[in-house]
Structure formats: structure tokens, C-alpha cells
Amino acid sequence: MLPVIHKINRLPILIAQGSNDILTPDYIHRNVMNHLKNAQLVEVKESGHWTVLEQPEQIRLLTESFLKTSH
């Protein structure tokens, strides 16, 4: 991914990471966020890897908010 990261960095990115995912939000913060300059990391509490299935209402609200503010 790193060779083309400059293309991705042109886009607003929302990362909704489950608090109980094997790749924790802290891991994502330390190892991914420094490569994604336009990314916003949000921890989804009481969720694992499948945040959309485990916390659908929270994901809907996060997505709506992100879309309203990421012009």
C-alpha cells in the first residue's frame, strides 16, 4: 500500500475500529495513522472486527457525521 499512499491521502478517510478487534484502535493509531494524513480514527466501543454488524446504529451516526464534515 505504501507505494500508492499518496493517492489515498487525497481522500478523506474514516476508520471505525472496534475496541475489541484483534487490531486494536491503539495499534491502528501507532501503525497506520502516520501514513494516512486525511484519516480520522474512531474507536467503536463494545465491538470487535465487524463494527457494522455489531454496532450498526453507532456506525450509521459516525458515517453521517463524517460525510457532513468531509467536503
N, C-alpha and C. Protein backbone atom coordinates (compact mmCIF):
# COMPACT_ATOMS: atom_id res chain seq x y z
N MET A 1 0.81 -1.19 0.00
CA MET A 1 0.00 0.00 0.00
C MET A 1 0.86 1.26 0.00
N LEU A 2 2.00 1.23 0.62
CA LEU A 2 2.81 2.43 0.74
C LEU A 2 3.23 3.06 -0.59
N PRO A 3 3.52 2.29 -1.63
CA PRO A 3 3.90 2.93 -2.90
C PRO A 3 2.80 3.82 -3.50
N VAL A 4 1.55 3.57 -3.16
CA VAL A 4 0.46 4.38 -3.73
C VAL A 4 -0.28 5.19 -2.66
N ILE A 5 0.30 5.31 -1.50
CA ILE A 5 -0.35 6.02 -0.39
C ILE A 5 -0.67 7.47 -0.75
N HIS A 6 0.12 8.09 -1.60
CA HIS A 6 -0.12 9.48 -1.99
C HIS A 6 -1.48 9.62 -2.67
N LYS A 7 -1.95 8.61 -3.36
CA LYS A 7 -3.26 8.66 -4.00
C LYS A 7 -4.38 8.56 -2.96
N ILE A 8 -4.19 7.72 -1.99
CA ILE A 8 -5.19 7.55 -0.93
C ILE A 8 -5.26 8.79 -0.06
N ASN A 9 -4.13 9.42 0.19
CA ASN A 9 -4.09 10.58 1.08
C ASN A 9 -4.84 11.79 0.54
N ARG A 10 -5.26 11.74 -0.69
CA ARG A 10 -6.07 12.82 -1.24
C ARG A 10 -7.53 12.71 -0.81
N LEU A 11 -7.91 11.58 -0.26
CA LEU A 11 -9.30 11.32 0.10
C LEU A 11 -9.51 11.42 1.60
N PRO A 12 -10.66 11.92 2.04
CA PRO A 12 -10.99 11.84 3.46
C PRO A 12 -11.30 10.38 3.81
N ILE A 13 -10.77 9.93 4.94
CA ILE A 13 -10.91 8.53 5.33
C ILE A 13 -11.42 8.46 6.76
N LEU A 14 -12.41 7.62 7.00
CA LEU A 14 -12.90 7.33 8.34
C LEU A 14 -12.55 5.89 8.66
N ILE A 15 -11.85 5.69 9.75
CA ILE A 15 -11.55 4.35 10.24
C ILE A 15 -12.32 4.17 11.54
N ALA A 16 -13.31 3.30 11.51
CA ALA A 16 -14.11 2.99 12.69
C ALA A 16 -13.65 1.63 13.18
N GLN A 17 -12.80 1.63 14.18
CA GLN A 17 -12.13 0.42 14.65
C GLN A 17 -12.75 -0.06 15.95
N GLY A 18 -13.16 -1.33 15.97
CA GLY A 18 -13.76 -1.90 17.17
C GLY A 18 -12.78 -1.98 18.33
N SER A 19 -13.27 -1.65 19.52
CA SER A 19 -12.41 -1.67 20.70
C SER A 19 -11.89 -3.07 21.01
N ASN A 20 -12.61 -4.10 20.59
CA ASN A 20 -12.20 -5.48 20.86
C ASN A 20 -11.64 -6.18 19.63
N ASP A 21 -11.36 -5.44 18.57
CA ASP A 21 -10.76 -6.04 17.38
C ASP A 21 -9.35 -6.51 17.72
N ILE A 22 -8.89 -7.55 17.04
CA ILE A 22 -7.53 -8.03 17.25
C ILE A 22 -6.51 -6.93 16.93
N LEU A 23 -6.83 -6.09 15.93
CA LEU A 23 -6.03 -4.89 15.66
C LEU A 23 -6.72 -3.74 16.39
N THR A 24 -6.29 -3.48 17.58
CA THR A 24 -6.94 -2.50 18.44
C THR A 24 -6.82 -1.09 17.87
N PRO A 25 -7.71 -0.19 18.31
CA PRO A 25 -7.56 1.20 17.90
C PRO A 25 -6.18 1.77 18.22
N ASP A 26 -5.61 1.38 19.33
CA ASP A 26 -4.26 1.83 19.69
C ASP A 26 -3.24 1.34 18.66
N TYR A 27 -3.37 0.10 18.24
CA TYR A 27 -2.47 -0.45 17.21
C TYR A 27 -2.61 0.34 15.91
N ILE A 28 -3.85 0.60 15.50
CA ILE A 28 -4.09 1.37 14.28
C ILE A 28 -3.49 2.76 14.41
N HIS A 29 -3.68 3.37 15.56
CA HIS A 29 -3.13 4.71 15.79
C HIS A 29 -1.61 4.71 15.63
N ARG A 30 -0.94 3.74 16.23
CA ARG A 30 0.53 3.69 16.20
C ARG A 30 1.09 3.28 14.86
N ASN A 31 0.40 2.40 14.12
CA ASN A 31 0.99 1.79 12.93
C ASN A 31 0.38 2.21 11.59
N VAL A 32 -0.75 2.86 11.63
CA VAL A 32 -1.42 3.21 10.37
C VAL A 32 -1.61 4.71 10.21
N MET A 33 -2.00 5.37 11.27
CA MET A 33 -2.41 6.77 11.16
C MET A 33 -1.31 7.70 10.66
N ASN A 34 -0.07 7.39 10.97
CA ASN A 34 1.02 8.26 10.49
C ASN A 34 1.19 8.19 8.97
N HIS A 35 0.61 7.16 8.34
CA HIS A 35 0.67 7.04 6.88
C HIS A 35 -0.54 7.65 6.18
N LEU A 36 -1.63 7.83 6.91
CA LEU A 36 -2.88 8.34 6.33
C LEU A 36 -3.17 9.73 6.87
N LYS A 37 -2.73 10.72 6.14
CA LYS A 37 -2.81 12.11 6.62
C LYS A 37 -4.24 12.65 6.70
N ASN A 38 -5.14 12.16 5.87
CA ASN A 38 -6.53 12.64 5.90
C ASN A 38 -7.47 11.68 6.62
N ALA A 39 -6.92 10.82 7.45
CA ALA A 39 -7.75 9.83 8.13
C ALA A 39 -8.16 10.29 9.52
N GLN A 40 -9.35 9.86 9.88
CA GLN A 40 -9.88 10.09 11.22
C GLN A 40 -10.15 8.71 11.81
N LEU A 41 -9.61 8.45 12.99
CA LEU A 41 -9.78 7.17 13.67
C LEU A 41 -10.79 7.33 14.80
N VAL A 42 -11.81 6.47 14.79
CA VAL A 42 -12.82 6.47 15.84
C VAL A 42 -12.91 5.07 16.43
N GLU A 43 -12.83 4.98 17.74
CA GLU A 43 -12.99 3.69 18.42
C GLU A 43 -14.47 3.40 18.60
N VAL A 44 -14.88 2.22 18.16
CA VAL A 44 -16.27 1.79 18.32
C VAL A 44 -16.30 0.86 19.52
N LYS A 45 -16.86 1.35 20.61
CA LYS A 45 -16.90 0.60 21.87
C LYS A 45 -17.77 -0.64 21.74
N GLU A 46 -17.41 -1.65 22.53
CA GLU A 46 -18.16 -2.90 22.59
C GLU A 46 -18.34 -3.53 21.22
N SER A 47 -17.28 -3.51 20.43
CA SER A 47 -17.32 -4.08 19.10
C SER A 47 -15.99 -4.73 18.79
N GLY A 48 -16.07 -5.77 17.96
CA GLY A 48 -14.86 -6.43 17.51
C GLY A 48 -14.53 -6.00 16.09
N HIS A 49 -14.33 -6.97 15.23
CA HIS A 49 -13.95 -6.69 13.85
C HIS A 49 -15.12 -6.24 12.99
N TRP A 50 -16.31 -6.71 13.26
CA TRP A 50 -17.48 -6.44 12.43
C TRP A 50 -18.30 -5.31 13.00
N THR A 51 -17.73 -4.13 13.03
CA THR A 51 -18.40 -2.97 13.64
C THR A 51 -19.76 -2.69 13.03
N VAL A 52 -19.89 -2.85 11.72
CA VAL A 52 -21.16 -2.56 11.04
C VAL A 52 -22.26 -3.50 11.51
N LEU A 53 -21.92 -4.74 11.79
CA LEU A 53 -22.91 -5.71 12.26
C LEU A 53 -23.14 -5.62 13.76
N GLU A 54 -22.09 -5.30 14.51
CA GLU A 54 -22.18 -5.29 15.97
C GLU A 54 -22.75 -3.99 16.53
N GLN A 55 -22.46 -2.87 15.87
CA GLN A 55 -22.92 -1.56 16.33
C GLN A 55 -23.48 -0.76 15.14
N PRO A 56 -24.53 -1.27 14.48
CA PRO A 56 -24.99 -0.61 13.25
C PRO A 56 -25.46 0.83 13.45
N GLU A 57 -26.11 1.12 14.54
CA GLU A 57 -26.60 2.49 14.77
C GLU A 57 -25.43 3.45 14.99
N GLN A 58 -24.46 3.02 15.77
CA GLN A 58 -23.29 3.87 16.01
C GLN A 58 -22.53 4.11 14.70
N ILE A 59 -22.39 3.08 13.87
CA ILE A 59 -21.71 3.24 12.58
C ILE A 59 -22.50 4.17 11.67
N ARG A 60 -23.81 4.05 11.68
CA ARG A 60 -24.64 4.95 10.86
C ARG A 60 -24.43 6.39 11.27
N LEU A 61 -24.46 6.66 12.56
CA LEU A 61 -24.26 8.02 13.06
C LEU A 61 -22.86 8.54 12.74
N LEU A 62 -21.85 7.71 12.93
CA LEU A 62 -20.47 8.10 12.60
C LEU A 62 -20.33 8.42 11.12
N THR A 63 -20.93 7.59 10.29
CA THR A 63 -20.85 7.78 8.84
C THR A 63 -21.55 9.06 8.42
N GLU A 64 -22.74 9.30 8.93
CA GLU A 64 -23.47 10.52 8.60
C GLU A 64 -22.67 11.76 9.00
N SER A 65 -22.15 11.74 10.20
CA SER A 65 -21.36 12.88 10.68
C SER A 65 -20.12 13.09 9.81
N PHE A 66 -19.43 12.01 9.48
CA PHE A 66 -18.23 12.09 8.66
C PHE A 66 -18.56 12.66 7.28
N LEU A 67 -19.64 12.18 6.68
CA LEU A 67 -20.00 12.66 5.34
C LEU A 67 -20.39 14.13 5.34
N LYS A 68 -20.97 14.60 6.42
CA LYS A 68 -21.36 16.01 6.51
C LYS A 68 -20.16 16.92 6.65
N THR A 69 -19.09 16.43 7.25
CA THR A 69 -17.95 17.29 7.55
C THR A 69 -16.74 17.07 6.64
N SER A 70 -16.79 16.09 5.76
CA SER A 70 -15.60 15.78 4.95
C SER A 70 -15.77 16.22 3.50
N HIS A 71 -15.87 17.50 3.30
CA HIS A 71 -16.02 18.02 1.94
C HIS A 71 -14.68 18.28 1.33
